[in-house]
Amino acid sequence: MRVELNPDLCQGHNRCYALAPELFDVDDYGTAVVIGEGSVAADLEGKARLAVDNCPEYAITITQDT
């Protein structure tokens, strides 16, 4: 599983960072960024889904590794 964040949609609510700081960080402008390549460890999949569900701008998506 991977998380992707569309920076054009992100408005800096940072709910993703509050819910999953292992997967997201915040840049100097208050915009969320994905940590690393966006790969999600199995034990963090629930947090990734929670971040997606709580993003008011729908800026986060999950893709499955193939």
PDB file of N, CA and C in Angstrom:
ATOM      1  N   MET A   1       0.841  -1.166   0.000  1.00  0.00           N
ATOM      2  CA  MET A   1       0.000   0.000   0.000  1.00  0.00           C
ATOM      3  C   MET A   1       0.893   1.238   0.000  1.00  0.00           C
ATOM      4  N   ARG A   2       0.423   2.272  -0.691  1.00  0.00           N
ATOM      5  CA  ARG A   2       1.130   3.560  -0.741  1.00  0.00           C
ATOM      6  C   ARG A   2       0.127   4.688  -0.541  1.00  0.00           C
ATOM      7  N   VAL A   3       0.577   5.775   0.090  1.00  0.00           N
ATOM      8  CA  VAL A   3      -0.239   6.979   0.188  1.00  0.00           C
ATOM      9  C   VAL A   3       0.354   8.025  -0.742  1.00  0.00           C
ATOM     10  N   GLU A   4      -0.530   8.780  -1.353  1.00  0.00           N
ATOM     11  CA  GLU A   4      -0.118   9.877  -2.215  1.00  0.00           C
ATOM     12  C   GLU A   4      -0.901  11.107  -1.800  1.00  0.00           C
ATOM     13  N   LEU A   5      -0.267  12.263  -1.876  1.00  0.00           N
ATOM     14  CA  LEU A   5      -0.899  13.503  -1.478  1.00  0.00           C
ATOM     15  C   LEU A   5      -0.809  14.484  -2.637  1.00  0.00           C
ATOM     16  N   ASN A   6      -1.938  15.075  -2.994  1.00  0.00           N
ATOM     17  CA  ASN A   6      -1.981  16.076  -4.054  1.00  0.00           C
ATOM     18  C   ASN A   6      -1.755  17.443  -3.419  1.00  0.00           C
ATOM     19  N   PRO A   7      -0.582  18.045  -3.613  1.00  0.00           N
ATOM     20  CA  PRO A   7      -0.292  19.326  -2.968  1.00  0.00           C
ATOM     21  C   PRO A   7      -1.179  20.462  -3.472  1.00  0.00           C
ATOM     22  N   ASP A   8      -1.750  20.313  -4.655  1.00  0.00           N
ATOM     23  CA  ASP A   8      -2.646  21.348  -5.180  1.00  0.00           C
ATOM     24  C   ASP A   8      -3.979  21.373  -4.437  1.00  0.00           C
ATOM     25  N   LEU A   9      -4.364  20.257  -3.843  1.00  0.00           N
ATOM     26  CA  LEU A   9      -5.622  20.186  -3.105  1.00  0.00           C
ATOM     27  C   LEU A   9      -5.455  20.465  -1.617  1.00  0.00           C
ATOM     28  N   CYS A  10      -4.262  20.215  -1.090  1.00  0.00           N
ATOM     29  CA  CYS A  10      -4.027  20.362   0.346  1.00  0.00           C
ATOM     30  C   CYS A  10      -4.171  21.824   0.759  1.00  0.00           C
ATOM     31  N   GLN A  11      -4.964  22.046   1.807  1.00  0.00           N
ATOM     32  CA  GLN A  11      -5.178  23.389   2.333  1.00  0.00           C
ATOM     33  C   GLN A  11      -4.522  23.602   3.695  1.00  0.00           C
ATOM     34  N   GLY A  12      -3.759  22.639   4.157  1.00  0.00           N
ATOM     35  CA  GLY A  12      -3.008  22.789   5.386  1.00  0.00           C
ATOM     36  C   GLY A  12      -3.797  22.537   6.662  1.00  0.00           C
ATOM     37  N   HIS A  13      -4.857  21.741   6.590  1.00  0.00           N
ATOM     38  CA  HIS A  13      -5.588  21.387   7.810  1.00  0.00           C
ATOM     39  C   HIS A  13      -4.746  20.470   8.698  1.00  0.00           C
ATOM     40  N   ASN A  14      -3.886  19.676   8.070  1.00  0.00           N
ATOM     41  CA  ASN A  14      -2.925  18.790   8.735  1.00  0.00           C
ATOM     42  C   ASN A  14      -3.554  17.739   9.637  1.00  0.00           C
ATOM     43  N   ARG A  15      -4.759  17.333   9.325  1.00  0.00           N
ATOM     44  CA  ARG A  15      -5.367  16.223  10.061  1.00  0.00           C
ATOM     45  C   ARG A  15      -4.581  14.943   9.821  1.00  0.00           C
ATOM     46  N   CYS A  16      -4.054  14.799   8.613  1.00  0.00           N
ATOM     47  CA  CYS A  16      -3.263  13.604   8.294  1.00  0.00           C
ATOM     48  C   CYS A  16      -2.041  13.516   9.207  1.00  0.00           C
ATOM     49  N   TYR A  17      -1.379  14.621   9.399  1.00  0.00           N
ATOM     50  CA  TYR A  17      -0.201  14.642  10.268  1.00  0.00           C
ATOM     51  C   TYR A  17      -0.582  14.348  11.721  1.00  0.00           C
ATOM     52  N   ALA A  18      -1.701  14.889  12.161  1.00  0.00           N
ATOM     53  CA  ALA A  18      -2.150  14.651  13.537  1.00  0.00           C
ATOM     54  C   ALA A  18      -2.508  13.183  13.758  1.00  0.00           C
ATOM     55  N   LEU A  19      -3.072  12.547  12.731  1.00  0.00           N
ATOM     56  CA  LEU A  19      -3.526  11.166  12.847  1.00  0.00           C
ATOM     57  C   LEU A  19      -2.442  10.142  12.513  1.00  0.00           C
ATOM     58  N   ALA A  20      -1.525  10.499  11.634  1.00  0.00           N
ATOM     59  CA  ALA A  20      -0.513   9.539  11.176  1.00  0.00           C
ATOM     60  C   ALA A  20       0.835  10.230  10.974  1.00  0.00           C
ATOM     61  N   PRO A  21       1.464  10.682  12.054  1.00  0.00           N
ATOM     62  CA  PRO A  21       2.755  11.368  11.900  1.00  0.00           C
ATOM     63  C   PRO A  21       3.869  10.453  11.379  1.00  0.00           C
ATOM     64  N   GLU A  22       3.635   9.164  11.395  1.00  0.00           N
ATOM     65  CA  GLU A  22       4.605   8.228  10.826  1.00  0.00           C
ATOM     66  C   GLU A  22       4.599   8.290   9.292  1.00  0.00           C
ATOM     67  N   LEU A  23       3.500   8.794   8.722  1.00  0.00           N
ATOM     68  CA  LEU A  23       3.335   8.804   7.267  1.00  0.00           C
ATOM     69  C   LEU A  23       3.381  10.205   6.654  1.00  0.00           C
ATOM     70  N   PHE A  24       3.073  11.227   7.470  1.00  0.00           N
ATOM     71  CA  PHE A  24       2.978  12.589   6.958  1.00  0.00           C
ATOM     72  C   PHE A  24       3.791  13.551   7.817  1.00  0.00           C
ATOM     73  N   ASP A  25       4.237  14.614   7.183  1.00  0.00           N
ATOM     74  CA  ASP A  25       4.918  15.701   7.882  1.00  0.00           C
ATOM     75  C   ASP A  25       4.320  17.006   7.348  1.00  0.00           C
ATOM     76  N   VAL A  26       4.805  18.123   7.864  1.00  0.00           N
ATOM     77  CA  VAL A  26       4.322  19.434   7.444  1.00  0.00           C
ATOM     78  C   VAL A  26       5.527  20.244   6.983  1.00  0.00           C
ATOM     79  N   ASP A  27       5.405  20.918   5.827  1.00  0.00           N
ATOM     80  CA  ASP A  27       6.516  21.732   5.343  1.00  0.00           C
ATOM     81  C   ASP A  27       6.507  23.112   5.996  1.00  0.00           C
ATOM     82  N   ASP A  28       7.411  23.955   5.596  1.00  0.00           N
ATOM     83  CA  ASP A  28       7.553  25.286   6.180  1.00  0.00           C
ATOM     84  C   ASP A  28       6.346  26.187   5.943  1.00  0.00           C
ATOM     85  N   TYR A  29       5.506  25.830   4.986  1.00  0.00           N
ATOM     86  CA  TYR A  29       4.329  26.638   4.663  1.00  0.00           C
ATOM     87  C   TYR A  29       3.051  26.081   5.277  1.00  0.00           C
ATOM     88  N   GLY A  30       3.168  25.002   6.033  1.00  0.00           N
ATOM     89  CA  GLY A  30       2.002  24.407   6.675  1.00  0.00           C
ATOM     90  C   GLY A  30       1.264  23.396   5.822  1.00  0.00           C
ATOM     91  N   THR A  31       1.833  23.045   4.692  1.00  0.00           N
ATOM     92  CA  THR A  31       1.225  22.063   3.800  1.00  0.00           C
ATOM     93  C   THR A  31       1.742  20.678   4.147  1.00  0.00           C
ATOM     94  N   ALA A  32       0.867  19.707   4.150  1.00  0.00           N
ATOM     95  CA  ALA A  32       1.266  18.335   4.447  1.00  0.00           C
ATOM     96  C   ALA A  32       2.122  17.768   3.320  1.00  0.00           C
ATOM     97  N   VAL A  33       3.036  16.897   3.691  1.00  0.00           N
ATOM     98  CA  VAL A  33       3.871  16.169   2.739  1.00  0.00           C
ATOM     99  C   VAL A  33       3.956  14.713   3.186  1.00  0.00           C
ATOM    100  N   VAL A  34       4.103  13.829   2.227  1.00  0.00           N
ATOM    101  CA  VAL A  34       4.261  12.407   2.518  1.00  0.00           C
ATOM    102  C   VAL A  34       5.709  12.152   2.891  1.00  0.00           C
ATOM    103  N   ILE A  35       5.915  11.364   3.909  1.00  0.00           N
ATOM    104  CA  ILE A  35       7.269  11.000   4.332  1.00  0.00           C
ATOM    105  C   ILE A  35       7.786   9.895   3.418  1.00  0.00           C
ATOM    106  N   GLY A  36       9.001  10.060   2.959  1.00  0.00           N
ATOM    107  CA  GLY A  36       9.636   9.048   2.121  1.00  0.00           C
ATOM    108  C   GLY A  36       8.926   8.872   0.795  1.00  0.00           C
ATOM    109  N   GLU A  37       8.829   7.646   0.377  1.00  0.00           N
ATOM    110  CA  GLU A  37       8.215   7.316  -0.908  1.00  0.00           C
ATOM    111  C   GLU A  37       6.716   7.071  -0.800  1.00  0.00           C
ATOM    112  N   GLY A  38       6.180   7.158   0.409  1.00  0.00           N
ATOM    113  CA  GLY A  38       4.754   6.935   0.604  1.00  0.00           C
ATOM    114  C   GLY A  38       4.384   5.494   0.894  1.00  0.00           C
ATOM    115  N   SER A  39       5.379   4.624   1.009  1.00  0.00           N
ATOM    116  CA  SER A  39       5.083   3.228   1.327  1.00  0.00           C
ATOM    117  C   SER A  39       4.534   3.130   2.745  1.00  0.00           C
ATOM    118  N   VAL A  40       3.509   2.295   2.891  1.00  0.00           N
ATOM    119  CA  VAL A  40       2.848   2.142   4.184  1.00  0.00           C
ATOM    120  C   VAL A  40       3.103   0.731   4.696  1.00  0.00           C
ATOM    121  N   ALA A  41       3.702   0.644   5.867  1.00  0.00           N
ATOM    122  CA  ALA A  41       3.917  -0.658   6.500  1.00  0.00           C
ATOM    123  C   ALA A  41       2.563  -1.243   6.898  1.00  0.00           C
ATOM    124  N   ALA A  42       2.496  -2.549   6.973  1.00  0.00           N
ATOM    125  CA  ALA A  42       1.230  -3.229   7.274  1.00  0.00           C
ATOM    126  C   ALA A  42       0.608  -2.744   8.577  1.00  0.00           C
ATOM    127  N   ASP A  43       1.429  -2.451   9.572  1.00  0.00           N
ATOM    128  CA  ASP A  43       0.884  -2.018  10.861  1.00  0.00           C
ATOM    129  C   ASP A  43       0.379  -0.575  10.850  1.00  0.00           C
ATOM    130  N   LEU A  44       0.622   0.162   9.756  1.00  0.00           N
ATOM    131  CA  LEU A  44       0.156   1.547   9.648  1.00  0.00           C
ATOM    132  C   LEU A  44      -0.980   1.725   8.644  1.00  0.00           C
ATOM    133  N   GLU A  45      -1.454   0.628   8.063  1.00  0.00           N
ATOM    134  CA  GLU A  45      -2.518   0.732   7.056  1.00  0.00           C
ATOM    135  C   GLU A  45      -3.784   1.364   7.625  1.00  0.00           C
ATOM    136  N   GLY A  46      -4.128   1.054   8.857  1.00  0.00           N
ATOM    137  CA  GLY A  46      -5.308   1.640   9.483  1.00  0.00           C
ATOM    138  C   GLY A  46      -5.174   3.151   9.627  1.00  0.00           C
ATOM    139  N   LYS A  47      -3.978   3.601  10.010  1.00  0.00           N
ATOM    140  CA  LYS A  47      -3.735   5.038  10.139  1.00  0.00           C
ATOM    141  C   LYS A  47      -3.787   5.721   8.781  1.00  0.00           C
ATOM    142  N   ALA A  48      -3.298   5.059   7.751  1.00  0.00           N
ATOM    143  CA  ALA A  48      -3.350   5.633   6.403  1.00  0.00           C
ATOM    144  C   ALA A  48      -4.799   5.823   5.963  1.00  0.00           C
ATOM    145  N   ARG A  49      -5.629   4.823   6.204  1.00  0.00           N
ATOM    146  CA  ARG A  49      -7.047   4.927   5.837  1.00  0.00           C
ATOM    147  C   ARG A  49      -7.752   6.009   6.657  1.00  0.00           C
ATOM    148  N   LEU A  50      -7.394   6.128   7.920  1.00  0.00           N
ATOM    149  CA  LEU A  50      -7.962   7.157   8.784  1.00  0.00           C
ATOM    150  C   LEU A  50      -7.597   8.550   8.263  1.00  0.00           C
ATOM    151  N   ALA A  51      -6.364   8.721   7.816  1.00  0.00           N
ATOM    152  CA  ALA A  51      -5.933  10.004   7.249  1.00  0.00           C
ATOM    153  C   ALA A  51      -6.726  10.336   5.989  1.00  0.00           C
ATOM    154  N   VAL A  52      -6.912   9.354   5.125  1.00  0.00           N
ATOM    155  CA  VAL A  52      -7.697   9.568   3.907  1.00  0.00           C
ATOM    156  C   VAL A  52      -9.128   9.969   4.262  1.00  0.00           C
ATOM    157  N   ASP A  53      -9.729   9.258   5.184  1.00  0.00           N
ATOM    158  CA  ASP A  53     -11.116   9.515   5.567  1.00  0.00           C
ATOM    159  C   ASP A  53     -11.312  10.871   6.230  1.00  0.00           C
ATOM    160  N   ASN A  54     -10.258  11.423   6.828  1.00  0.00           N
ATOM    161  CA  ASN A  54     -10.377  12.677   7.565  1.00  0.00           C
ATOM    162  C   ASN A  54      -9.852  13.896   6.816  1.00  0.00           C
ATOM    163  N   CYS A  55      -9.396  13.723   5.595  1.00  0.00           N
ATOM    164  CA  CYS A  55      -8.913  14.859   4.810  1.00  0.00           C
ATOM    165  C   CYS A  55     -10.110  15.603   4.209  1.00  0.00           C
ATOM    166  N   PRO A  56     -10.366  16.843   4.651  1.00  0.00           N
ATOM    167  CA  PRO A  56     -11.531  17.565   4.144  1.00  0.00           C
ATOM    168  C   PRO A  56     -11.409  17.977   2.680  1.00  0.00           C
ATOM    169  N   GLU A  57     -10.206  17.961   2.155  1.00  0.00           N
ATOM    170  CA  GLU A  57      -9.989  18.367   0.761  1.00  0.00           C
ATOM    171  C   GLU A  57      -9.831  17.177  -0.183  1.00  0.00           C
ATOM    172  N   TYR A  58      -9.906  15.953   0.343  1.00  0.00           N
ATOM    173  CA  TYR A  58      -9.727  14.733  -0.450  1.00  0.00           C
ATOM    174  C   TYR A  58      -8.394  14.755  -1.201  1.00  0.00           C
ATOM    175  N   ALA A  59      -7.353  15.244  -0.515  1.00  0.00           N
ATOM    176  CA  ALA A  59      -6.045  15.384  -1.141  1.00  0.00           C
ATOM    177  C   ALA A  59      -5.201  14.119  -1.038  1.00  0.00           C
ATOM    178  N   ILE A  60      -5.630  13.154  -0.238  1.00  0.00           N
ATOM    179  CA  ILE A  60      -4.848  11.940  -0.011  1.00  0.00           C
ATOM    180  C   ILE A  60      -5.532  10.760  -0.680  1.00  0.00           C
ATOM    181  N   THR A  61      -4.758   9.957  -1.359  1.00  0.00           N
ATOM    182  CA  THR A  61      -5.271   8.733  -1.965  1.00  0.00           C
ATOM    183  C   THR A  61      -4.380   7.572  -1.577  1.00  0.00           C
ATOM    184  N   ILE A  62      -4.953   6.401  -1.614  1.00  0.00           N
ATOM    185  CA  ILE A  62      -4.229   5.160  -1.354  1.00  0.00           C
ATOM    186  C   ILE A  62      -4.195   4.357  -2.636  1.00  0.00           C
ATOM    187  N   THR A  63      -3.024   3.840  -2.950  1.00  0.00           N
ATOM    188  CA  THR A  63      -2.889   2.927  -4.074  1.00  0.00           C
ATOM    189  C   THR A  63      -2.293   1.634  -3.549  1.00  0.00           C
ATOM    190  N   GLN A  64      -2.608   0.566  -4.208  1.00  0.00           N
ATOM    191  CA  GLN A  64      -2.074  -0.736  -3.829  1.00  0.00           C
ATOM    192  C   GLN A  64      -0.809  -1.022  -4.629  1.00  0.00           C
ATOM    193  N   ASP A  65       0.215  -1.501  -3.938  1.00  0.00           N
ATOM    194  CA  ASP A  65       1.428  -1.921  -4.632  1.00  0.00           C
ATOM    195  C   ASP A  65       1.107  -3.110  -5.507  1.00  0.00           C
ATOM    196  N   THR A  66       1.730  -3.155  -6.656  1.00  0.00           N
ATOM    197  CA  THR A  66       1.495  -4.285  -7.564  1.00  0.00           C
ATOM    198  C   THR A  66       2.689  -5.181  -7.624  1.00  0.00           C
TER     199      THR A  66
END
